[in-house]
Full PDB file with SEQRES, HELIX, SHEET, SSBOND, CRYST1, ORIGX, SCALE, CONECT and MASTER records, all heavy atoms in Angstrom:
SEQRES   1 A   30  LEU MET THR ALA ALA ALA ALA GLY ARG VAL ALA GLU PRO          
SEQRES   2 A   30  GLY SER PRO GLU PHE VAL ALA ALA ALA LEU VAL LEU ALA          
SEQRES   3 A   30  LEU LEU SER GLY                                              
HELIX    1 AA1 MET A    2  GLY A    8  1                                   7    
HELIX    2 AA2 PRO A   16  SER A   29  1                                  14    
CRYST1    1.000    1.000    1.000  90.00  90.00  90.00 P 1           1          
ORIGX1      1.000000  0.000000  0.000000        0.00000                         
ORIGX2      0.000000  1.000000  0.000000        0.00000                         
ORIGX3      0.000000  0.000000  1.000000        0.00000                         
SCALE1      1.000000  0.000000  0.000000        0.00000                         
SCALE2      0.000000  1.000000  0.000000        0.00000                         
SCALE3      0.000000  0.000000  1.000000        0.00000                         
ATOM      1  N   LEU A   1     -44.726-177.884  11.932  1.00  0.00           N  
ATOM      2  CA  LEU A   1     -43.457-177.704  12.648  1.00  0.00           C  
ATOM      3  C   LEU A   1     -42.551-178.916  12.455  1.00  0.00           C  
ATOM      4  O   LEU A   1     -41.346-178.771  12.210  1.00  0.00           O  
ATOM      5  CB  LEU A   1     -43.733-177.481  14.132  1.00  0.00           C  
ATOM      6  CG  LEU A   1     -42.505-177.373  15.042  1.00  0.00           C  
ATOM      7  CD1 LEU A   1     -41.715-176.115  14.730  1.00  0.00           C  
ATOM      8  CD2 LEU A   1     -42.922-177.393  16.512  1.00  0.00           C  
ATOM      9  N   MET A   2     -43.129-180.117  12.560  1.00  0.00           N  
ATOM     10  CA  MET A   2     -42.334-181.322  12.388  1.00  0.00           C  
ATOM     11  C   MET A   2     -41.813-181.445  10.956  1.00  0.00           C  
ATOM     12  O   MET A   2     -40.689-181.913  10.728  1.00  0.00           O  
ATOM     13  CB  MET A   2     -43.173-182.553  12.750  1.00  0.00           C  
ATOM     14  CG  MET A   2     -43.609-182.603  14.205  1.00  0.00           C  
ATOM     15  SD  MET A   2     -44.625-184.042  14.622  1.00  0.00           S  
ATOM     16  CE  MET A   2     -43.374-185.336  14.596  1.00  0.00           C  
ATOM     17  N   THR A   3     -42.622-181.019   9.987  1.00  0.00           N  
ATOM     18  CA  THR A   3     -42.173-181.036   8.590  1.00  0.00           C  
ATOM     19  C   THR A   3     -40.997-180.096   8.391  1.00  0.00           C  
ATOM     20  O   THR A   3     -39.992-180.447   7.748  1.00  0.00           O  
ATOM     21  CB  THR A   3     -43.331-180.634   7.662  1.00  0.00           C  
ATOM     22  OG1 THR A   3     -44.401-181.579   7.804  1.00  0.00           O  
ATOM     23  CG2 THR A   3     -42.882-180.587   6.207  1.00  0.00           C  
ATOM     24  N   ALA A   4     -41.096-178.890   8.940  1.00  0.00           N  
ATOM     25  CA  ALA A   4     -40.005-177.918   8.809  1.00  0.00           C  
ATOM     26  C   ALA A   4     -38.725-178.453   9.446  1.00  0.00           C  
ATOM     27  O   ALA A   4     -37.632-178.314   8.880  1.00  0.00           O  
ATOM     28  CB  ALA A   4     -40.412-176.588   9.446  1.00  0.00           C  
ATOM     29  N   ALA A   5     -38.853-179.061  10.625  1.00  0.00           N  
ATOM     30  CA  ALA A   5     -37.662-179.572  11.316  1.00  0.00           C  
ATOM     31  C   ALA A   5     -37.030-180.734  10.549  1.00  0.00           C  
ATOM     32  O   ALA A   5     -35.806-180.801  10.398  1.00  0.00           O  
ATOM     33  CB  ALA A   5     -38.042-180.007  12.730  1.00  0.00           C  
ATOM     34  N   ALA A   6     -37.867-181.656  10.046  1.00  0.00           N  
ATOM     35  CA  ALA A   6     -37.336-182.829   9.351  1.00  0.00           C  
ATOM     36  C   ALA A   6     -36.731-182.448   8.005  1.00  0.00           C  
ATOM     37  O   ALA A   6     -35.611-182.868   7.672  1.00  0.00           O  
ATOM     38  CB  ALA A   6     -38.447-183.862   9.162  1.00  0.00           C  
ATOM     39  N   ALA A   7     -37.445-181.668   7.227  1.00  0.00           N  
ATOM     40  CA  ALA A   7     -36.932-181.271   5.915  1.00  0.00           C  
ATOM     41  C   ALA A   7     -35.711-180.365   6.049  1.00  0.00           C  
ATOM     42  O   ALA A   7     -34.805-180.403   5.213  1.00  0.00           O  
ATOM     43  CB  ALA A   7     -38.026-180.566   5.113  1.00  0.00           C  
ATOM     44  N   GLY A   8     -35.678-179.569   7.124  1.00  0.00           N  
ATOM     45  CA  GLY A   8     -34.543-178.675   7.329  1.00  0.00           C  
ATOM     46  C   GLY A   8     -33.243-179.394   7.622  1.00  0.00           C  
ATOM     47  O   GLY A   8     -32.168-178.811   7.491  1.00  0.00           O  
ATOM     48  N   ARG A   9     -33.308-180.665   8.019  1.00  0.00           N  
ATOM     49  CA  ARG A   9     -32.094-181.425   8.293  1.00  0.00           C  
ATOM     50  C   ARG A   9     -31.442-181.950   7.009  1.00  0.00           C  
ATOM     51  O   ARG A   9     -30.275-182.330   7.023  1.00  0.00           O  
ATOM     52  CB  ARG A   9     -32.388-182.593   9.229  1.00  0.00           C  
ATOM     53  CG  ARG A   9     -32.657-182.169  10.666  1.00  0.00           C  
ATOM     54  CD  ARG A   9     -32.482-183.368  11.595  1.00  0.00           C  
ATOM     55  NE  ARG A   9     -33.383-184.443  11.209  1.00  0.00           N  
ATOM     56  CZ  ARG A   9     -34.623-184.581  11.659  1.00  0.00           C  
ATOM     57  NH1 ARG A   9     -35.102-183.689  12.524  1.00  0.00           N  
ATOM     58  NH2 ARG A   9     -35.375-185.582  11.275  1.00  0.00           N  
ATOM     59  N   VAL A  10     -32.205-182.011   5.926  1.00  0.00           N  
ATOM     60  CA  VAL A  10     -31.659-182.569   4.679  1.00  0.00           C  
ATOM     61  C   VAL A  10     -31.582-181.548   3.551  1.00  0.00           C  
ATOM     62  O   VAL A  10     -31.030-181.856   2.489  1.00  0.00           O  
ATOM     63  CB  VAL A  10     -32.507-183.779   4.212  1.00  0.00           C  
ATOM     64  CG1 VAL A  10     -32.474-184.883   5.247  1.00  0.00           C  
ATOM     65  CG2 VAL A  10     -33.945-183.365   3.913  1.00  0.00           C  
ATOM     66  N   ALA A  11     -32.133-180.344   3.762  1.00  0.00           N  
ATOM     67  CA  ALA A  11     -32.123-179.342   2.691  1.00  0.00           C  
ATOM     68  C   ALA A  11     -32.256-177.953   3.293  1.00  0.00           C  
ATOM     69  O   ALA A  11     -32.706-177.777   4.431  1.00  0.00           O  
ATOM     70  CB  ALA A  11     -33.256-179.596   1.699  1.00  0.00           C  
ATOM     71  N   GLU A  12     -31.875-176.960   2.522  1.00  0.00           N  
ATOM     72  CA  GLU A  12     -31.977-175.565   2.939  1.00  0.00           C  
ATOM     73  C   GLU A  12     -33.415-175.092   2.785  1.00  0.00           C  
ATOM     74  O   GLU A  12     -34.021-175.266   1.720  1.00  0.00           O  
ATOM     75  CB  GLU A  12     -31.052-174.691   2.079  1.00  0.00           C  
ATOM     76  CG  GLU A  12     -30.988-173.240   2.501  1.00  0.00           C  
ATOM     77  CD  GLU A  12     -30.285-173.053   3.835  1.00  0.00           C  
ATOM     78  OE1 GLU A  12     -29.460-173.922   4.208  1.00  0.00           O  
ATOM     79  OE2 GLU A  12     -30.569-172.032   4.496  1.00  0.00           O  
ATOM     80  N   PRO A  13     -34.018-174.510   3.840  1.00  0.00           N  
ATOM     81  CA  PRO A  13     -35.397-174.015   3.716  1.00  0.00           C  
ATOM     82  C   PRO A  13     -35.547-173.057   2.533  1.00  0.00           C  
ATOM     83  O   PRO A  13     -34.715-172.193   2.308  1.00  0.00           O  
ATOM     84  CB  PRO A  13     -35.633-173.293   5.044  1.00  0.00           C  
ATOM     85  CG  PRO A  13     -34.709-173.991   6.004  1.00  0.00           C  
ATOM     86  CD  PRO A  13     -33.495-174.346   5.205  1.00  0.00           C  
ATOM     87  N   GLY A  14     -36.621-173.248   1.777  1.00  0.00           N  
ATOM     88  CA  GLY A  14     -36.878-172.415   0.610  1.00  0.00           C  
ATOM     89  C   GLY A  14     -36.309-172.966  -0.676  1.00  0.00           C  
ATOM     90  O   GLY A  14     -36.640-172.470  -1.760  1.00  0.00           O  
ATOM     91  N   SER A  15     -35.468-173.980  -0.603  1.00  0.00           N  
ATOM     92  CA  SER A  15     -34.848-174.536  -1.795  1.00  0.00           C  
ATOM     93  C   SER A  15     -35.756-175.600  -2.415  1.00  0.00           C  
ATOM     94  O   SER A  15     -36.650-176.143  -1.758  1.00  0.00           O  
ATOM     95  CB  SER A  15     -33.493-175.161  -1.447  1.00  0.00           C  
ATOM     96  OG  SER A  15     -33.679-176.283  -0.593  1.00  0.00           O  
ATOM     97  N   PRO A  16     -35.559-175.924  -3.701  1.00  0.00           N  
ATOM     98  CA  PRO A  16     -36.333-177.014  -4.315  1.00  0.00           C  
ATOM     99  C   PRO A  16     -36.153-178.344  -3.587  1.00  0.00           C  
ATOM    100  O   PRO A  16     -37.085-179.150  -3.520  1.00  0.00           O  
ATOM    101  CB  PRO A  16     -35.768-177.074  -5.742  1.00  0.00           C  
ATOM    102  CG  PRO A  16     -35.211-175.709  -5.999  1.00  0.00           C  
ATOM    103  CD  PRO A  16     -34.697-175.243  -4.676  1.00  0.00           C  
ATOM    104  N   GLU A  17     -34.961-178.571  -3.041  1.00  0.00           N  
ATOM    105  CA  GLU A  17     -34.716-179.809  -2.295  1.00  0.00           C  
ATOM    106  C   GLU A  17     -35.569-179.879  -1.036  1.00  0.00           C  
ATOM    107  O   GLU A  17     -36.005-180.955  -0.615  1.00  0.00           O  
ATOM    108  CB  GLU A  17     -33.231-179.934  -1.932  1.00  0.00           C  
ATOM    109  CG  GLU A  17     -32.301-180.162  -3.123  1.00  0.00           C  
ATOM    110  CD  GLU A  17     -32.048-178.890  -3.911  1.00  0.00           C  
ATOM    111  OE1 GLU A  17     -32.374-177.791  -3.385  1.00  0.00           O  
ATOM    112  OE2 GLU A  17     -31.538-178.979  -5.033  1.00  0.00           O  
ATOM    113  N   PHE A  18     -35.799-178.707  -0.412  1.00  0.00           N  
ATOM    114  CA  PHE A  18     -36.631-178.646   0.786  1.00  0.00           C  
ATOM    115  C   PHE A  18     -38.069-179.023   0.429  1.00  0.00           C  
ATOM    116  O   PHE A  18     -38.717-179.802   1.150  1.00  0.00           O  
ATOM    117  CB  PHE A  18     -36.572-177.237   1.374  1.00  0.00           C  
ATOM    118  CG  PHE A  18     -37.264-177.095   2.712  1.00  0.00           C  
ATOM    119  CD1 PHE A  18     -36.559-177.261   3.888  1.00  0.00           C  
ATOM    120  CD2 PHE A  18     -38.606-176.792   2.794  1.00  0.00           C  
ATOM    121  CE1 PHE A  18     -37.183-177.132   5.118  1.00  0.00           C  
ATOM    122  CE2 PHE A  18     -39.245-176.662   4.017  1.00  0.00           C  
ATOM    123  CZ  PHE A  18     -38.528-176.832   5.180  1.00  0.00           C  
ATOM    124  N   VAL A  19     -38.580-178.478  -0.673  1.00  0.00           N  
ATOM    125  CA  VAL A  19     -39.934-178.811  -1.125  1.00  0.00           C  
ATOM    126  C   VAL A  19     -40.024-180.296  -1.445  1.00  0.00           C  
ATOM    127  O   VAL A  19     -41.012-180.970  -1.101  1.00  0.00           O  
ATOM    128  CB  VAL A  19     -40.314-177.959  -2.353  1.00  0.00           C  
ATOM    129  CG1 VAL A  19     -41.679-178.382  -2.889  1.00  0.00           C  
ATOM    130  CG2 VAL A  19     -40.324-176.476  -1.999  1.00  0.00           C  
ATOM    131  N   ALA A  20     -38.981-180.835  -2.092  1.00  0.00           N  
ATOM    132  CA  ALA A  20     -38.965-182.262  -2.419  1.00  0.00           C  
ATOM    133  C   ALA A  20     -38.985-183.115  -1.161  1.00  0.00           C  
ATOM    134  O   ALA A  20     -39.644-184.168  -1.110  1.00  0.00           O  
ATOM    135  CB  ALA A  20     -37.738-182.589  -3.265  1.00  0.00           C  
ATOM    136  N   ALA A  21     -38.274-182.680  -0.114  1.00  0.00           N  
ATOM    137  CA  ALA A  21     -38.267-183.426   1.144  1.00  0.00           C  
ATOM    138  C   ALA A  21     -39.654-183.438   1.780  1.00  0.00           C  
ATOM    139  O   ALA A  21     -40.084-184.446   2.354  1.00  0.00           O  
ATOM    140  CB  ALA A  21     -37.242-182.822   2.104  1.00  0.00           C  
ATOM    141  N   ALA A  22     -40.380-182.316   1.693  1.00  0.00           N  
ATOM    142  CA  ALA A  22     -41.744-182.258   2.247  1.00  0.00           C  
ATOM    143  C   ALA A  22     -42.663-183.231   1.516  1.00  0.00           C  
ATOM    144  O   ALA A  22     -43.518-183.882   2.138  1.00  0.00           O  
ATOM    145  CB  ALA A  22     -42.280-180.836   2.151  1.00  0.00           C  
ATOM    146  N   LEU A  23     -42.508-183.347   0.193  1.00  0.00           N  
ATOM    147  CA  LEU A  23     -43.310-184.299  -0.572  1.00  0.00           C  
ATOM    148  C   LEU A  23     -42.997-185.735  -0.146  1.00  0.00           C  
ATOM    149  O   LEU A  23     -43.912-186.566   0.008  1.00  0.00           O  
ATOM    150  CB  LEU A  23     -43.048-184.129  -2.068  1.00  0.00           C  
ATOM    151  CG  LEU A  23     -43.453-182.800  -2.710  1.00  0.00           C  
ATOM    152  CD1 LEU A  23     -43.063-182.784  -4.178  1.00  0.00           C  
ATOM    153  CD2 LEU A  23     -44.947-182.565  -2.568  1.00  0.00           C  
ATOM    154  N   VAL A  24     -41.714-186.038   0.048  1.00  0.00           N  
ATOM    155  CA  VAL A  24     -41.333-187.385   0.479  1.00  0.00           C  
ATOM    156  C   VAL A  24     -41.895-187.688   1.866  1.00  0.00           C  
ATOM    157  O   VAL A  24     -42.362-188.810   2.134  1.00  0.00           O  
ATOM    158  CB  VAL A  24     -39.802-187.541   0.451  1.00  0.00           C  
ATOM    159  CG1 VAL A  24     -39.371-188.844   1.113  1.00  0.00           C  
ATOM    160  CG2 VAL A  24     -39.290-187.495  -0.987  1.00  0.00           C  
ATOM    161  N   LEU A  25     -41.863-186.711   2.753  1.00  0.00           N  
ATOM    162  CA  LEU A  25     -42.433-186.907   4.091  1.00  0.00           C  
ATOM    163  C   LEU A  25     -43.920-187.243   4.000  1.00  0.00           C  
ATOM    164  O   LEU A  25     -44.411-188.132   4.713  1.00  0.00           O  
ATOM    165  CB  LEU A  25     -42.232-185.652   4.941  1.00  0.00           C  
ATOM    166  CG  LEU A  25     -40.840-185.441   5.541  1.00  0.00           C  
ATOM    167  CD1 LEU A  25     -40.741-184.035   6.133  1.00  0.00           C  
ATOM    168  CD2 LEU A  25     -40.553-186.482   6.617  1.00  0.00           C  
ATOM    169  N   ALA A  26     -44.655-186.530   3.137  1.00  0.00           N  
ATOM    170  CA  ALA A  26     -46.086-186.813   2.978  1.00  0.00           C  
ATOM    171  C   ALA A  26     -46.297-188.212   2.429  1.00  0.00           C  
ATOM    172  O   ALA A  26     -47.176-188.961   2.905  1.00  0.00           O  
ATOM    173  CB  ALA A  26     -46.719-185.771   2.052  1.00  0.00           C  
ATOM    174  N   LEU A  27     -45.489-188.594   1.433  1.00  0.00           N  
ATOM    175  CA  LEU A  27     -45.645-189.920   0.839  1.00  0.00           C  
ATOM    176  C   LEU A  27     -45.313-191.027   1.835  1.00  0.00           C  
ATOM    177  O   LEU A  27     -46.068-192.000   1.976  1.00  0.00           O  
ATOM    178  CB  LEU A  27     -44.741-190.036  -0.393  1.00  0.00           C  
ATOM    179  CG  LEU A  27     -44.761-191.391  -1.111  1.00  0.00           C  
ATOM    180  CD1 LEU A  27     -46.154-191.693  -1.635  1.00  0.00           C  
ATOM    181  CD2 LEU A  27     -43.738-191.418  -2.239  1.00  0.00           C  
ATOM    182  N   LEU A  28     -44.190-190.892   2.546  1.00  0.00           N  
ATOM    183  CA  LEU A  28     -43.789-191.932   3.495  1.00  0.00           C  
ATOM    184  C   LEU A  28     -44.782-192.049   4.650  1.00  0.00           C  
ATOM    185  O   LEU A  28     -45.175-193.161   5.034  1.00  0.00           O  
ATOM    186  CB  LEU A  28     -42.390-191.629   4.034  1.00  0.00           C  
ATOM    187  CG  LEU A  28     -41.217-191.809   3.063  1.00  0.00           C  
ATOM    188  CD1 LEU A  28     -39.914-191.413   3.731  1.00  0.00           C  
ATOM    189  CD2 LEU A  28     -41.147-193.252   2.580  1.00  0.00           C  
ATOM    190  N   SER A  29     -45.178-190.923   5.216  1.00  0.00           N  
ATOM    191  CA  SER A  29     -46.130-190.983   6.338  1.00  0.00           C  
ATOM    192  C   SER A  29     -47.462-191.544   5.865  1.00  0.00           C  
ATOM    193  O   SER A  29     -48.106-192.332   6.579  1.00  0.00           O  
ATOM    194  CB  SER A  29     -46.305-189.600   6.967  1.00  0.00           C  
ATOM    195  OG  SER A  29     -46.819-188.669   6.040  1.00  0.00           O  
ATOM    196  N   GLY A  30     -47.892-191.170   4.639  1.00  0.00           N  
ATOM    197  CA  GLY A  30     -49.135-191.717   4.117  1.00  0.00           C  
ATOM    198  C   GLY A  30     -49.056-193.211   3.889  1.00  0.00           C  
ATOM    199  O   GLY A  30     -49.994-193.957   4.207  1.00  0.00           O  
TER     200      GLY A  30                                                      
MASTER        0    0    0    2    0    0    0    6  199    1    0    3          
END                                                                             
């Protein structure tokens, strides 16, 4: 849920940019 909310603020859900934001979230949190 937190990933969807955070990535949704910088990209449209379902778009390549949204997927890229999820990867960045995983990298930064890790």
